[in-house]
Amino acid sequence: MRILTITFLTLILASSAFAQSNLKVGSPAPAFTGVTLAGSDFDLNQLRGSVVVITFWSTRCEICHVEFPKLNRLIKGYEGKKVVFLSLTTENEEKIEAYLKKNPLETQILPNSFGVLLQYADRDKNGNLDMGYPSYYVVNDAGNIEFRSSGYDKTTALNSALTRLLSK
């Protein structure tokens, strides 16, 4: 009976851990490397000292279509500041390039980023990936998550987080 109770409690604790956010504000941002759509090598660790805005998105995301013009305006407002905007998608170069002809995005883009998505996505109580698009993560100059949000009309909150962070 005792073994059954311990097993049951372990399963409850494990399943509740999956339901929680994997990355909390204040936690270190998982490091990753990749090759940008432009063909440049990318390493998140090399951006220490700068604020990094990571956006996860998909060409199939209707909200992303609406949000990209707002995000592009936000990006222009931070030109010349120590802020790097980076967009990650699990899709391949061919699909992204066709999409960007109609929906320009003024960030560095990392295609084929499923492995990175696995590090950043939450998990539901069954262990399934749970990430809304677009998802925004702001990484401070020390490499920690400063802000995270997802869904429609989040650029205002993103701008507020950046303003607050850069004024420190």
Protein backbone atom coordinates (compact mmCIF):
# COMPACT_ATOMS: atom_id res chain seq x y z
CA MET A 1 0.00 0.00 0.00
CA ARG A 2 2.84 2.38 0.85
CA ILE A 3 4.47 1.83 -2.56
CA LEU A 4 1.14 2.50 -4.26
CA THR A 5 0.72 5.76 -2.31
CA ILE A 6 4.25 6.91 -3.14
CA THR A 7 3.74 6.05 -6.81
CA PHE A 8 0.42 7.90 -6.87
CA LEU A 9 1.92 11.02 -5.24
CA THR A 10 4.87 10.94 -7.63
CA LEU A 11 2.53 10.81 -10.62
CA ILE A 12 0.47 13.73 -9.30
CA LEU A 13 3.57 15.84 -8.71
CA ALA A 14 5.01 14.96 -12.12
CA SER A 15 1.79 15.79 -13.95
CA SER A 16 1.40 19.11 -12.14
CA ALA A 17 4.97 20.00 -13.08
CA PHE A 18 4.04 19.59 -16.74
CA ALA A 19 1.11 21.96 -16.35
CA GLN A 20 3.34 24.73 -15.08
CA SER A 21 5.23 27.21 -17.15
CA ASN A 22 8.65 25.87 -18.06
CA LEU A 23 10.23 29.29 -18.26
CA LYS A 24 9.34 31.79 -15.62
CA VAL A 25 10.26 35.46 -15.66
CA GLY A 26 13.66 35.72 -13.99
CA SER A 27 14.86 32.29 -15.11
CA PRO A 28 17.81 31.91 -17.49
CA ALA A 29 16.88 31.87 -21.17
CA PRO A 30 17.84 28.57 -22.77
CA ALA A 31 20.85 29.07 -25.02
CA PHE A 32 20.61 28.08 -28.66
CA THR A 33 22.45 28.36 -31.94
CA GLY A 34 21.27 28.25 -35.51
CA VAL A 35 21.61 29.61 -39.00
CA THR A 36 19.51 32.62 -39.98
CA LEU A 37 17.44 32.78 -43.13
CA ALA A 38 20.17 35.07 -44.50
CA GLY A 39 22.74 32.29 -43.94
CA SER A 40 24.56 33.76 -40.91
CA ASP A 41 25.49 31.71 -37.87
CA PHE A 42 23.61 32.72 -34.75
CA ASP A 43 24.41 32.11 -31.07
CA LEU A 44 22.20 33.57 -28.34
CA ASN A 45 25.12 33.58 -25.89
CA GLN A 46 26.99 36.04 -28.10
CA LEU A 47 24.26 38.62 -27.47
CA ARG A 48 24.95 38.98 -23.75
CA GLY A 49 25.01 42.68 -23.01
CA SER A 50 22.08 43.32 -25.36
CA VAL A 51 18.36 42.89 -24.83
CA VAL A 52 16.95 40.18 -27.10
CA VAL A 53 13.32 39.87 -28.19
CA ILE A 54 12.53 36.34 -29.32
CA THR A 55 9.31 35.81 -31.27
CA PHE A 56 7.99 32.35 -32.11
CA TRP A 57 5.60 32.35 -35.08
CA SER A 58 4.18 30.34 -37.95
CA THR A 59 3.13 31.09 -41.51
CA ARG A 60 -0.23 29.48 -40.65
CA CYS A 61 -0.82 31.85 -37.73
CA GLU A 62 -3.61 34.33 -38.53
CA ILE A 63 -2.74 36.46 -35.50
CA CYS A 64 0.86 36.68 -36.73
CA HIS A 65 -0.37 38.19 -40.03
CA VAL A 66 -2.02 40.99 -38.06
CA GLU A 67 0.78 41.41 -35.52
CA PHE A 68 3.76 41.63 -37.89
CA PRO A 69 3.10 45.20 -39.08
CA LYS A 70 2.83 46.27 -35.42
CA LEU A 71 6.02 44.39 -34.57
CA ASN A 72 7.83 46.00 -37.52
CA ARG A 73 6.82 49.47 -36.24
CA LEU A 74 8.06 48.54 -32.77
CA ILE A 75 11.37 47.36 -34.21
CA LYS A 76 11.90 50.68 -36.01
CA GLY A 77 11.41 52.48 -32.69
CA TYR A 78 14.35 50.58 -31.19
CA GLU A 79 16.84 51.10 -34.01
CA GLY A 80 20.20 52.22 -32.65
CA LYS A 81 19.49 50.77 -29.20
CA LYS A 82 20.97 47.60 -27.72
CA VAL A 83 17.93 45.53 -28.66
CA VAL A 84 18.07 42.56 -31.03
CA PHE A 85 14.85 41.21 -32.52
CA LEU A 86 14.86 37.56 -33.52
CA SER A 87 12.04 35.47 -34.99
CA LEU A 88 11.97 31.70 -34.84
CA THR A 89 9.75 29.30 -36.72
CA THR A 90 9.70 25.54 -37.13
CA GLU A 91 9.11 25.92 -40.85
CA ASN A 92 11.68 25.60 -43.64
CA GLU A 93 13.33 28.32 -45.70
CA GLU A 94 11.23 27.81 -48.84
CA LYS A 95 7.93 28.21 -47.01
CA ILE A 96 9.18 31.22 -45.03
CA GLU A 97 10.57 33.07 -48.06
CA ALA A 98 7.27 32.73 -49.93
CA TYR A 99 5.36 33.98 -46.88
CA LEU A 100 7.69 36.96 -46.30
CA LYS A 101 7.05 38.27 -49.82
CA LYS A 102 3.51 39.11 -48.70
CA ASN A 103 4.17 39.59 -44.98
CA PRO A 104 7.57 41.23 -44.42
CA LEU A 105 9.21 40.83 -41.04
CA GLU A 106 12.09 43.12 -40.11
CA THR A 107 13.96 40.71 -37.82
CA GLN A 108 16.60 38.07 -38.11
CA ILE A 109 14.75 34.81 -38.79
CA LEU A 110 15.81 31.36 -37.68
CA PRO A 111 13.99 28.66 -39.68
CA ASN A 112 13.74 25.00 -38.66
CA SER A 113 13.77 25.92 -34.96
CA PHE A 114 11.71 23.09 -33.52
CA GLY A 115 14.49 22.16 -31.10
CA VAL A 116 14.50 25.69 -29.70
CA LEU A 117 10.70 25.70 -29.46
CA LEU A 118 10.95 22.56 -27.31
CA GLN A 119 13.14 24.48 -24.86
CA TYR A 120 10.82 27.49 -24.61
CA ALA A 121 7.32 25.98 -24.90
CA ASP A 122 5.18 25.21 -21.89
CA ARG A 123 3.71 21.75 -21.43
CA ASP A 124 0.14 20.98 -20.51
CA LYS A 125 -0.82 18.50 -17.80
CA ASN A 126 -0.37 15.63 -20.26
CA GLY A 127 3.09 16.76 -21.32
CA ASN A 128 1.94 18.12 -24.68
CA LEU A 129 3.50 21.29 -26.06
CA ASP A 130 1.52 24.40 -25.26
CA MET A 131 2.68 27.52 -27.09
CA GLY A 132 0.46 30.16 -28.61
CA TYR A 133 1.59 32.16 -31.62
CA PRO A 134 3.03 34.65 -31.70
CA SER A 135 4.93 34.11 -28.46
CA TYR A 136 7.28 36.80 -27.21
CA TYR A 137 10.21 36.38 -24.82
CA VAL A 138 12.36 39.31 -23.76
CA VAL A 139 15.82 38.31 -22.57
CA ASN A 140 17.70 40.90 -20.55
CA ASP A 141 21.37 41.77 -21.01
CA ALA A 142 22.33 39.18 -18.37
CA GLY A 143 20.57 36.37 -20.27
CA ASN A 144 17.44 36.02 -18.11
CA ILE A 145 13.79 36.02 -19.17
CA GLU A 146 12.42 39.48 -18.35
CA PHE A 147 9.00 39.24 -20.04
CA ARG A 148 6.91 36.65 -21.84
CA SER A 149 3.54 36.78 -23.51
CA SER A 150 1.64 35.30 -26.43
CA GLY A 151 -1.33 35.95 -28.63
CA TYR A 152 -3.11 38.90 -30.14
CA ASP A 153 -2.21 42.55 -29.57
CA LYS A 154 0.80 42.08 -27.29
CA THR A 155 3.13 44.61 -28.91
CA THR A 156 2.01 47.35 -26.50
CA ALA A 157 2.91 45.17 -23.51
CA LEU A 158 6.15 44.19 -25.26
CA ASN A 159 7.02 47.85 -25.79
CA SER A 160 6.31 48.61 -22.12
CA ALA A 161 8.57 45.76 -21.03
CA LEU A 162 11.37 46.99 -23.30
CA THR A 163 10.99 50.59 -22.13
CA ARG A 164 11.08 49.49 -18.49
CA LEU A 165 14.10 47.25 -19.06
CA LEU A 166 16.12 49.82 -21.01
CA SER A 167 15.49 52.51 -18.40
CA LYS A 168 17.16 50.44 -15.64
